[in-house]
Amino acid sequence: MRGVFILFKLVVKGTAFSSIDSKNVKVFENSLFCISEAGMIAKIISPDQEEYEATIQEYTSKNKFQELAHDQYILPGFIDLHIHAPQWAQAGTALDLPLYEWLNTYTFPLEAKFSDVQFAEQVYSDLVSQLIKNGTTTALYFATVHREASLRLAEICSEKGQRGLVGKVVMDDQEQNPEYYRDASATTALVETELFIQEVLELNKQTPQGVYPVVTPRFIPSCTDDSLKGLGALATKYDIHIQSHCSESDWAHTFVQERFGKNDAYALNDFGLITEKSVMAHCGFLSDDDMKLFAEKGTAVAHCPISNAYFGNAVTPIARLLNDYQVETGLGSDISGGFSPSLFDNIRQAVMSSRMLNDGVDKDCCGEKRGVSGSSITLNEAFYLATAGGGESLSLPIGKLAVDYIWDVQIVNTKELPLFSDEEPLLTIFQKILYLTRPESIDEVWIQGKKVHDKNKKELEVQE
């Protein structure tokens, strides 16, 4: 028995919630989470197991035991599958404009400023800190066309302890992109992308939680055929993740159909950009064949429900993706098309949007035709998207509280929630946490077994 104890770096006692699958949540009541030196969950011990009390005593004596208060609960860290990191500087502005106007009037001029690495560092440092405070332990980022600033984002993730997947954006089509903000040519874009990949792979060697380079064509309308083909080849050469926008809006979807005579999914597939390591954002206009292709290839969808409400022109049919086609699906904030850095907010919106798709919104249309029956998702499913679904989408052992998964967690307090009885069912408390938690309710955040946020400490070094 005593030989087992030395395996653990830390033992945490608390009540936790984790997805079993897309529809079901498991409650770990007063369980012991035994964390290895590598930051993995090595063992979970329930109160009815023989070694429960002995483990508490042993690790208390070693000063490696943490017991949560009665009003604290453990959730897996959130996984944000779609963030435009530079757009943090314009979050909460101009969301009443059409997508094309929003991009050209506000977004592209802002992103062009990231040629200034000092400005980039200021924005990126604040963003990563804010995301961690909001419980996001893993983030999939679009940066800008600028390699040096994009690398700085990866370095900031490494320094602050967040697991980051970062892409230097490619947008080289001279007709579709403004002269002041684009890659000079397909050749330049590909050379810079490969250098960026190599730099981030080197950085990853000294980053325990992982930072990863991501091949990132902004979307088909911004890229030439030469750059799309070359990016597909780079993704294959280095066996790395791919991200882009796919069938997001009427405008973008129609543009691709007119250019290639097919939907985004099949056009991207022709260039080698639909793979098991691909994450495609939005996907509001996927056809049945597109969904089948994603399922066959293992390509994931990043659902961004808040952004979807502003720019999507339709509600992404998440229930069909999950239930009819078993497409890997996670959740994204889409800063700044989505105004909130909190996946709690996006969990709530995911449920609301699905209900609106299910029931319809046009009062003048008859009830039988107003909505799309079977489109609603449950709160459990929305939680799954933000956690386990995101982990599956990235093919990483994250997003679940289970043995051999990484200890990426947020510890949430319920002091401000309307709980008036000590006998409140735990799954009721779980629902209230998801609907009512604000950033100030997140007491601690841990990534790869290291504490990276403590609400009670102004400055916190990433704890070894």
Protein backbone atom coordinates (compact mmCIF):
# COMPACT_ATOMS: atom_id res chain seq x y z
CA MET A 1 0.00 0.00 0.00
CA ARG A 2 2.70 2.48 0.96
CA GLY A 3 4.45 1.95 -2.34
CA VAL A 4 1.43 3.37 -4.14
CA PHE A 5 1.49 6.64 -2.21
CA ILE A 6 4.81 7.86 -3.60
CA LEU A 7 3.33 7.95 -7.12
CA PHE A 8 1.25 11.01 -6.42
CA LYS A 9 2.32 14.63 -6.54
CA LEU A 10 -0.96 15.81 -5.03
CA VAL A 11 -4.26 14.42 -3.77
CA VAL A 12 -7.38 16.59 -4.01
CA LYS A 13 -10.60 15.77 -2.17
CA GLY A 14 -13.78 17.24 -3.56
CA THR A 15 -17.04 16.79 -5.43
CA ALA A 16 -16.74 17.00 -9.19
CA PHE A 17 -18.76 16.76 -12.39
CA SER A 18 -17.58 15.31 -15.70
CA SER A 19 -19.17 14.12 -18.95
CA ILE A 20 -19.37 10.37 -19.46
CA ASP A 21 -20.58 10.91 -23.02
CA SER A 22 -22.48 13.63 -24.87
CA LYS A 23 -25.68 13.09 -22.88
CA ASN A 24 -24.64 11.97 -19.40
CA VAL A 25 -22.72 13.58 -16.54
CA LYS A 26 -21.04 11.68 -13.73
CA VAL A 27 -20.92 13.02 -10.18
CA PHE A 28 -17.80 12.25 -8.13
CA GLU A 29 -18.99 12.92 -4.59
CA ASN A 30 -16.20 13.60 -2.06
CA SER A 31 -13.75 11.67 -4.19
CA LEU A 32 -9.95 11.73 -4.08
CA PHE A 33 -8.19 12.78 -7.27
CA CYS A 34 -4.62 11.50 -7.23
CA ILE A 35 -2.36 13.54 -9.52
CA SER A 36 0.94 12.24 -10.88
CA GLU A 37 4.17 14.20 -11.26
CA ALA A 38 3.36 14.52 -14.97
CA GLY A 39 0.07 16.26 -14.16
CA MET A 40 -2.14 13.29 -15.05
CA ILE A 41 -5.00 11.80 -13.06
CA ALA A 42 -3.36 8.59 -11.85
CA LYS A 43 -6.22 7.34 -9.69
CA ILE A 44 -9.68 8.34 -8.47
CA ILE A 45 -10.70 6.95 -5.09
CA SER A 46 -14.31 7.03 -3.91
CA PRO A 47 -15.27 7.17 -0.20
CA ASP A 48 -16.34 3.49 -0.16
CA GLN A 49 -12.92 2.22 -1.24
CA GLU A 50 -10.58 0.68 1.30
CA GLU A 51 -7.62 3.00 0.69
CA TYR A 52 -9.68 6.20 0.97
CA GLU A 53 -8.87 7.17 4.58
CA ALA A 54 -5.31 5.87 4.44
CA THR A 55 -4.60 7.98 1.37
CA ILE A 56 -5.94 11.11 3.08
CA GLN A 57 -3.77 10.49 6.14
CA GLU A 58 -0.65 9.75 4.12
CA TYR A 59 -0.85 12.81 1.90
CA THR A 60 -1.92 15.10 4.70
CA SER A 61 1.28 14.14 6.50
CA LYS A 62 3.26 14.85 3.33
CA ASN A 63 1.57 18.28 2.94
CA LYS A 64 0.34 17.14 -0.48
CA PHE A 65 -3.37 17.04 0.26
CA GLN A 66 -5.98 19.64 -0.63
CA GLU A 67 -9.58 19.40 0.58
CA LEU A 68 -12.16 21.64 -1.02
CA ALA A 69 -14.66 23.60 1.04
CA HIS A 70 -18.28 22.42 1.12
CA ASP A 71 -19.30 25.13 -1.37
CA GLN A 72 -16.51 24.39 -3.88
CA TYR A 73 -16.86 22.04 -6.86
CA ILE A 74 -14.52 20.73 -9.55
CA LEU A 75 -15.23 20.99 -13.27
CA PRO A 76 -12.90 20.01 -16.11
CA GLY A 77 -11.14 23.00 -17.63
CA PHE A 78 -12.90 24.39 -20.66
CA ILE A 79 -11.55 23.88 -24.19
CA ASP A 80 -12.16 26.82 -26.52
CA LEU A 81 -11.92 25.62 -30.12
CA HIS A 82 -12.10 28.97 -31.90
CA ILE A 83 -10.59 32.30 -30.84
CA HIS A 84 -9.28 35.17 -32.94
CA ALA A 85 -6.65 36.32 -30.46
CA PRO A 86 -5.96 39.78 -31.96
CA GLN A 87 -9.65 40.59 -31.95
CA TRP A 88 -9.66 40.71 -28.15
CA ALA A 89 -8.76 44.37 -28.68
CA GLN A 90 -12.14 45.00 -30.32
CA ALA A 91 -14.31 42.64 -28.27
CA GLY A 92 -17.79 44.00 -27.75
CA THR A 93 -17.82 46.39 -30.71
CA ALA A 94 -19.57 46.58 -34.11
CA LEU A 95 -21.50 43.33 -33.74
CA ASP A 96 -24.56 44.91 -35.35
CA LEU A 97 -22.88 44.98 -38.78
CA PRO A 98 -22.94 42.33 -41.54
CA LEU A 99 -19.91 40.03 -41.52
CA TYR A 100 -18.26 41.40 -44.68
CA GLU A 101 -18.57 45.00 -43.48
CA TRP A 102 -17.41 44.07 -39.97
CA LEU A 103 -14.27 42.42 -41.32
CA ASN A 104 -13.25 45.20 -43.68
CA THR A 105 -14.22 48.20 -41.57
CA TYR A 106 -13.00 47.07 -38.16
CA THR A 107 -11.30 43.69 -38.03
CA PHE A 108 -8.70 43.79 -40.79
CA PRO A 109 -7.45 47.28 -39.81
CA LEU A 110 -7.07 46.07 -36.24
CA GLU A 111 -5.25 42.86 -37.16
CA ALA A 112 -2.86 44.82 -39.37
CA LYS A 113 -1.58 46.56 -36.21
CA PHE A 114 -0.08 43.28 -35.02
CA SER A 115 2.98 43.94 -37.15
CA ASP A 116 3.93 45.79 -33.95
CA VAL A 117 5.06 42.96 -31.65
CA GLN A 118 4.86 45.15 -28.54
CA PHE A 119 1.20 45.88 -29.24
CA ALA A 120 0.62 42.19 -29.93
CA GLU A 121 2.23 41.22 -26.63
CA GLN A 122 0.02 43.63 -24.71
CA VAL A 123 -3.18 42.25 -26.23
CA TYR A 124 -2.19 38.59 -26.16
CA SER A 125 -0.92 38.66 -22.59
CA ASP A 126 -4.18 40.14 -21.35
CA LEU A 127 -6.28 37.71 -23.41
CA VAL A 128 -4.54 34.57 -22.17
CA SER A 129 -4.82 35.76 -18.56
CA GLN A 130 -8.53 36.54 -18.99
CA LEU A 131 -9.24 33.18 -20.57
CA ILE A 132 -7.52 31.34 -17.74
CA LYS A 133 -9.55 33.33 -15.19
CA ASN A 134 -12.67 32.24 -17.08
CA GLY A 135 -11.74 28.58 -16.74
CA THR A 136 -10.33 28.01 -20.24
CA THR A 137 -7.38 25.66 -19.93
CA THR A 138 -6.90 24.88 -23.64
CA ALA A 139 -7.40 27.33 -26.51
CA LEU A 140 -7.23 27.03 -30.29
CA TYR A 141 -6.12 30.41 -31.62
CA PHE A 142 -6.10 32.26 -34.91
CA ALA A 143 -3.32 34.86 -34.70
CA THR A 144 -2.54 37.15 -37.68
CA VAL A 145 -0.42 37.00 -40.85
CA HIS A 146 2.59 38.19 -38.83
CA ARG A 147 4.92 35.33 -37.90
CA GLU A 148 6.80 37.10 -35.12
CA ALA A 149 3.66 38.24 -33.31
CA SER A 150 2.06 34.82 -33.79
CA LEU A 151 5.07 33.16 -32.20
CA ARG A 152 4.81 35.61 -29.30
CA LEU A 153 1.26 34.36 -28.67
CA ALA A 154 2.55 30.79 -28.45
CA GLU A 155 5.30 31.93 -26.07
CA ILE A 156 2.78 33.72 -23.83
CA CYS A 157 0.67 30.54 -23.62
CA SER A 158 3.81 28.63 -22.67
CA GLU A 159 4.80 31.20 -20.03
CA LYS A 160 1.36 31.50 -18.44
CA GLY A 161 0.78 27.75 -18.36
CA GLN A 162 -2.12 27.55 -20.81
CA ARG A 163 -2.26 24.80 -23.41
CA GLY A 164 -2.31 26.74 -26.67
CA LEU A 165 -2.75 25.72 -30.27
CA VAL A 166 -1.73 28.67 -32.41
CA GLY A 167 -2.00 29.40 -36.11
CA LYS A 168 -0.25 32.04 -38.21
CA VAL A 169 -3.11 33.10 -40.44
CA VAL A 170 -2.74 32.79 -44.22
CA MET A 171 -4.65 35.23 -46.47
CA ASP A 172 -2.82 35.77 -49.74
CA ASP A 173 -5.52 36.43 -52.35
CA GLN A 174 -4.76 39.95 -53.61
CA GLU A 175 -8.29 40.51 -54.88
CA GLN A 176 -10.05 39.50 -51.67
CA ASN A 177 -7.76 40.97 -49.02
CA PRO A 178 -6.82 44.62 -48.42
CA GLU A 179 -3.38 45.66 -49.61
CA TYR A 180 -2.41 46.79 -46.11
CA TYR A 181 -3.17 43.39 -44.57
CA ARG A 182 -2.31 40.20 -46.44
CA ASP A 183 0.50 37.82 -47.25
CA ALA A 184 2.65 39.17 -50.09
CA SER A 185 2.23 35.94 -52.08
CA ALA A 186 1.41 32.27 -51.70
CA THR A 187 5.11 31.49 -51.63
CA THR A 188 5.76 33.97 -48.84
CA ALA A 189 2.78 32.68 -46.88
CA LEU A 190 3.98 29.09 -47.10
CA VAL A 191 7.61 29.89 -46.23
CA GLU A 192 6.52 31.94 -43.20
CA THR A 193 4.06 29.25 -42.12
CA GLU A 194 6.70 26.54 -42.23
CA LEU A 195 9.14 28.66 -40.22
CA PHE A 196 6.38 29.31 -37.69
CA ILE A 197 5.63 25.59 -37.43
CA GLN A 198 9.28 24.81 -36.77
CA GLU A 199 9.57 27.56 -34.13
CA VAL A 200 6.50 26.40 -32.21
CA LEU A 201 7.55 22.76 -32.36
CA GLU A 202 10.84 23.82 -30.78
CA LEU A 203 9.02 25.86 -28.13
CA ASN A 204 6.86 22.85 -27.33
CA LYS A 205 9.93 20.92 -26.17
CA GLN A 206 10.10 23.17 -23.08
CA THR A 207 6.34 23.50 -22.48
CA PRO A 208 4.95 20.75 -20.21
CA GLN A 209 1.28 21.50 -20.97
CA GLY A 210 1.95 21.72 -24.70
CA VAL A 211 1.87 24.43 -27.36
CA TYR A 212 1.12 23.35 -30.90
CA PRO A 213 1.40 24.95 -34.35
CA VAL A 214 -1.76 24.94 -36.44
CA VAL A 215 -2.07 25.30 -40.21
CA THR A 216 -4.52 28.20 -40.62
CA PRO A 217 -6.00 29.32 -43.93
CA ARG A 218 -8.31 32.09 -42.74
CA PHE A 219 -11.09 30.83 -44.97
CA ILE A 220 -11.39 29.93 -48.62
CA PRO A 221 -12.36 33.46 -49.79
CA SER A 222 -9.07 34.86 -48.49
CA CYS A 223 -6.74 32.22 -49.99
CA THR A 224 -5.48 31.30 -53.44
CA ASP A 225 -5.46 27.73 -54.69
CA ASP A 226 -1.65 27.69 -54.42
CA SER A 227 -1.66 28.60 -50.73
CA LEU A 228 -4.46 26.13 -49.91
CA LYS A 229 -2.60 23.31 -51.67
CA GLY A 230 0.67 24.21 -49.96
CA LEU A 231 -0.94 24.39 -46.52
CA GLY A 232 -2.42 20.94 -46.99
CA ALA A 233 1.04 19.64 -47.83
CA LEU A 234 2.56 21.29 -44.74
CA ALA A 235 -0.10 19.81 -42.48
CA THR A 236 0.73 16.36 -43.85
CA LYS A 237 4.50 16.89 -43.64
CA TYR A 238 4.43 17.88 -39.97
CA ASP A 239 1.30 15.90 -38.95
CA ILE A 240 -0.23 18.90 -37.21
CA HIS A 241 -3.63 20.43 -36.58
CA ILE A 242 -5.55 22.44 -39.18
CA GLN A 243 -8.18 25.11 -38.58
CA SER A 244 -10.33 27.33 -40.76
CA HIS A 245 -13.84 28.71 -41.16
CA CYS A 246 -16.29 26.50 -43.00
CA SER A 247 -19.72 27.38 -44.42
CA GLU A 248 -20.19 30.15 -41.88
CA SER A 249 -22.58 32.59 -43.53
CA ASP A 250 -24.67 33.13 -46.65
CA TRP A 251 -21.94 35.29 -48.15
CA ALA A 252 -18.96 33.00 -47.45
CA HIS A 253 -20.87 29.81 -48.30
CA THR A 254 -22.12 31.22 -51.62
CA PHE A 255 -18.65 32.58 -52.50
CA VAL A 256 -17.14 29.10 -52.26
CA GLN A 257 -19.95 27.48 -54.26
CA GLU A 258 -19.48 30.02 -57.05
CA ARG A 259 -15.70 29.59 -57.07
CA PHE A 260 -15.50 25.80 -56.90
CA GLY A 261 -19.00 24.52 -57.64
CA LYS A 262 -19.09 22.72 -54.31
CA ASN A 263 -19.40 23.40 -50.58
CA ASP A 264 -16.50 24.43 -48.35
CA ALA A 265 -16.06 20.96 -46.87
CA TYR A 266 -15.36 19.26 -50.20
CA ALA A 267 -13.32 22.19 -51.51
CA LEU A 268 -11.08 22.08 -48.43
CA ASN A 269 -10.87 18.31 -48.70
CA ASP A 270 -9.52 18.63 -52.25
CA PHE A 271 -6.57 20.56 -50.80
CA GLY A 272 -5.84 18.02 -48.04
CA LEU A 273 -7.28 20.25 -45.32
CA ILE A 274 -10.04 17.94 -44.04
CA THR A 275 -8.32 15.42 -41.77
CA GLU A 276 -8.54 13.82 -38.35
CA LYS A 277 -6.65 16.83 -36.99
CA SER A 278 -8.88 19.47 -38.58
CA VAL A 279 -11.22 21.75 -36.63
CA MET A 280 -13.65 23.74 -38.75
CA ALA A 281 -15.42 26.71 -37.21
CA HIS A 282 -19.15 27.49 -37.51
CA CYS A 283 -20.36 25.06 -40.19
CA GLY A 284 -23.89 26.44 -40.21
CA PHE A 285 -24.56 25.43 -43.81
CA LEU A 286 -23.17 21.89 -43.91
CA SER A 287 -25.12 19.50 -46.12
CA ASP A 288 -25.77 15.89 -45.18
CA ASP A 289 -22.88 14.88 -47.45
CA ASP A 290 -20.61 17.42 -45.74
CA MET A 291 -21.49 15.94 -42.35
CA LYS A 292 -20.80 12.42 -43.63
CA LEU A 293 -17.41 13.58 -44.92
CA PHE A 294 -16.53 15.09 -41.54
CA ALA A 295 -17.54 11.88 -39.76
CA GLU A 296 -15.51 9.73 -42.14
CA LYS A 297 -12.42 11.93 -41.91
CA GLY A 298 -12.64 12.58 -38.15
CA THR A 299 -12.85 16.33 -38.75
CA ALA A 300 -14.32 18.33 -35.86
CA VAL A 301 -16.72 21.28 -35.74
CA ALA A 302 -16.15 24.29 -33.47
CA HIS A 303 -19.63 25.54 -32.57
CA CYS A 304 -19.62 29.25 -31.69
CA PRO A 305 -23.20 29.98 -30.59
CA ILE A 306 -22.84 33.63 -29.57
CA SER A 307 -20.98 34.57 -32.74
CA ASN A 308 -23.38 32.38 -34.70
CA ALA A 309 -26.24 34.60 -33.54
CA TYR A 310 -24.54 37.68 -34.98
CA PHE A 311 -22.90 36.47 -38.18
CA GLY A 312 -24.04 32.92 -38.93
CA ASN A 313 -27.28 33.66 -40.83
CA ALA A 314 -28.52 30.30 -39.49
CA VAL A 315 -28.26 28.20 -36.33
CA THR A 316 -25.70 25.40 -36.62
CA PRO A 317 -27.58 22.06 -36.28
CA ILE A 318 -25.59 20.66 -33.37
CA ALA A 319 -28.08 17.90 -32.52
CA ARG A 320 -27.72 16.49 -36.04
CA LEU A 321 -23.93 16.66 -35.91
CA LEU A 322 -23.81 14.88 -32.56
CA ASN A 323 -26.65 12.39 -32.87
CA ASP A 324 -27.22 11.69 -36.57
CA TYR A 325 -23.64 11.76 -37.82
CA GLN A 326 -21.44 11.45 -34.70
CA VAL A 327 -19.25 14.33 -35.85
CA GLU A 328 -16.73 15.39 -33.20
CA THR A 329 -17.96 18.75 -31.94
CA GLY A 330 -16.73 21.27 -29.38
CA LEU A 331 -17.42 24.84 -28.35
CA GLY A 332 -15.76 28.11 -29.32
CA SER A 333 -16.08 31.68 -28.10
CA ASP A 334 -15.04 33.15 -31.47
CA ILE A 335 -13.61 36.28 -29.89
CA SER A 336 -14.58 38.82 -31.11
CA GLY A 337 -17.47 37.71 -33.29
CA GLY A 338 -18.56 36.44 -29.92
CA PHE A 339 -18.23 39.14 -27.26
CA SER A 340 -17.60 36.90 -24.25
CA PRO A 341 -14.38 35.06 -23.33
CA SER A 342 -16.44 32.76 -21.08
CA LEU A 343 -17.47 29.32 -22.27
CA PHE A 344 -20.07 29.39 -19.49
CA ASP A 345 -21.80 32.07 -21.58
CA ASN A 346 -21.43 29.98 -24.72
CA ILE A 347 -22.81 26.87 -22.99
CA ARG A 348 -25.94 28.86 -22.15
CA GLN A 349 -26.25 30.28 -25.65
CA ALA A 350 -25.77 26.84 -27.21
CA VAL A 351 -28.86 25.59 -25.39
CA MET A 352 -30.86 28.73 -26.21
CA SER A 353 -29.95 28.71 -29.90
CA SER A 354 -30.83 25.05 -30.25
CA ARG A 355 -34.24 25.71 -28.72
CA MET A 356 -34.82 28.58 -31.15
CA LEU A 357 -33.90 26.35 -34.10
CA ASN A 358 -36.19 23.63 -32.76
CA ASP A 359 -39.20 25.88 -32.17
CA GLY A 360 -38.64 28.54 -34.84
CA VAL A 361 -38.81 32.30 -34.47
CA ASP A 362 -41.30 33.54 -37.06
CA LYS A 363 -44.66 33.97 -35.32
CA ASP A 364 -46.45 34.27 -38.66
CA CYS A 365 -45.39 30.79 -39.73
CA CYS A 366 -47.54 27.89 -38.53
CA GLY A 367 -46.22 25.85 -35.62
CA GLU A 368 -45.63 22.71 -37.68
CA LYS A 369 -43.26 24.54 -40.04
CA ARG A 370 -41.82 27.24 -37.81
CA GLY A 371 -38.91 25.23 -36.42
CA VAL A 372 -36.74 22.16 -37.12
CA SER A 373 -37.96 19.36 -34.88
CA GLY A 374 -35.28 17.45 -32.98
CA SER A 375 -32.81 20.36 -32.90
CA SER A 376 -32.77 21.03 -29.15
CA ILE A 377 -29.74 20.04 -27.12
CA THR A 378 -29.62 19.56 -23.37
CA LEU A 379 -27.48 21.38 -20.85
CA ASN A 380 -25.50 18.16 -20.44
CA GLU A 381 -24.74 18.17 -24.16
CA ALA A 382 -23.65 21.82 -24.07
CA PHE A 383 -21.33 21.04 -21.12
CA TYR A 384 -19.92 18.11 -23.09
CA LEU A 385 -19.13 20.45 -26.01
CA ALA A 386 -17.11 22.73 -23.72
CA THR A 387 -15.16 19.88 -22.14
CA ALA A 388 -14.95 16.29 -23.39
CA GLY A 389 -16.15 17.18 -26.88
CA GLY A 390 -13.35 19.70 -27.21
CA GLY A 391 -10.79 17.16 -26.05
CA GLU A 392 -12.00 14.60 -28.57
CA SER A 393 -11.97 17.24 -31.29
CA LEU A 394 -8.28 17.90 -30.62
CA SER A 395 -7.40 14.22 -30.05
CA LEU A 396 -5.88 15.10 -26.67
CA PRO A 397 -6.51 13.44 -23.24
CA ILE A 398 -8.26 16.50 -21.83
CA GLY A 399 -11.80 17.57 -20.95
CA LYS A 400 -12.70 14.66 -18.66
CA LEU A 401 -12.09 13.67 -15.07
CA ALA A 402 -10.86 10.14 -15.63
CA VAL A 403 -7.73 8.10 -15.08
CA ASP A 404 -5.02 8.85 -17.66
CA TYR A 405 -6.56 12.24 -18.46
CA ILE A 406 -4.68 15.46 -17.71
CA TRP A 407 -5.52 17.35 -14.51
CA ASP A 408 -6.92 20.47 -16.18
CA VAL A 409 -9.62 21.74 -13.85
CA GLN A 410 -11.42 24.77 -12.52
CA ILE A 411 -12.56 24.98 -8.91
CA VAL A 412 -15.83 26.89 -8.70
CA ASN A 413 -17.47 28.27 -5.57
CA THR A 414 -21.24 28.48 -5.17
CA LYS A 415 -21.35 31.14 -2.44
CA GLU A 416 -23.36 33.54 -4.60
CA LEU A 417 -25.72 30.96 -6.09
CA PRO A 418 -29.34 30.57 -4.89
CA LEU A 419 -28.77 27.44 -2.82
CA PHE A 420 -30.95 27.45 0.28
CA SER A 421 -30.74 23.85 1.41
CA ASP A 422 -27.93 21.49 2.32
CA GLU A 423 -30.00 18.76 0.69
CA GLU A 424 -29.99 20.31 -2.79
CA PRO A 425 -29.42 17.45 -5.30
CA LEU A 426 -25.91 17.56 -6.71
CA LEU A 427 -27.09 17.55 -10.31
CA THR A 428 -29.29 20.54 -9.50
CA ILE A 429 -26.21 22.32 -8.15
CA PHE A 430 -24.40 21.35 -11.36
CA GLN A 431 -27.08 23.00 -13.47
CA LYS A 432 -26.98 26.17 -11.37
CA ILE A 433 -23.19 26.29 -11.70
CA LEU A 434 -23.44 26.19 -15.49
CA TYR A 435 -26.17 28.80 -15.74
CA LEU A 436 -25.10 31.22 -13.01
CA THR A 437 -21.31 31.09 -12.61
CA ARG A 438 -19.40 34.31 -13.26
CA PRO A 439 -15.59 34.62 -13.55
CA GLU A 440 -15.29 35.82 -9.94
CA SER A 441 -16.76 32.48 -8.82
CA ILE A 442 -13.78 30.56 -10.21
CA ASP A 443 -11.43 30.19 -7.24
CA GLU A 444 -8.62 28.22 -8.88
CA VAL A 445 -7.56 26.94 -12.29
CA TRP A 446 -5.09 24.07 -12.75
CA ILE A 447 -3.44 23.02 -16.01
CA GLN A 448 -1.29 19.91 -16.37
CA GLY A 449 -1.31 19.51 -12.58
CA LYS A 450 -0.08 23.09 -11.93
CA LYS A 451 -2.06 25.91 -10.39
CA VAL A 452 -2.15 28.78 -12.88
CA HIS A 453 -4.86 30.92 -11.28
CA ASP A 454 -5.80 31.62 -7.67
CA LYS A 455 -8.50 34.24 -7.17
CA ASN A 456 -7.13 35.10 -3.75
CA LYS A 457 -3.65 35.95 -5.00
CA LYS A 458 -2.97 38.96 -7.21
CA GLU A 459 0.11 37.48 -8.78
CA LEU A 460 0.59 33.75 -9.07
CA GLU A 461 3.67 32.09 -10.45
CA VAL A 462 2.81 28.90 -12.31
CA GLN A 463 3.29 26.33 -9.57
CA GLU A 464 5.55 23.39 -10.22
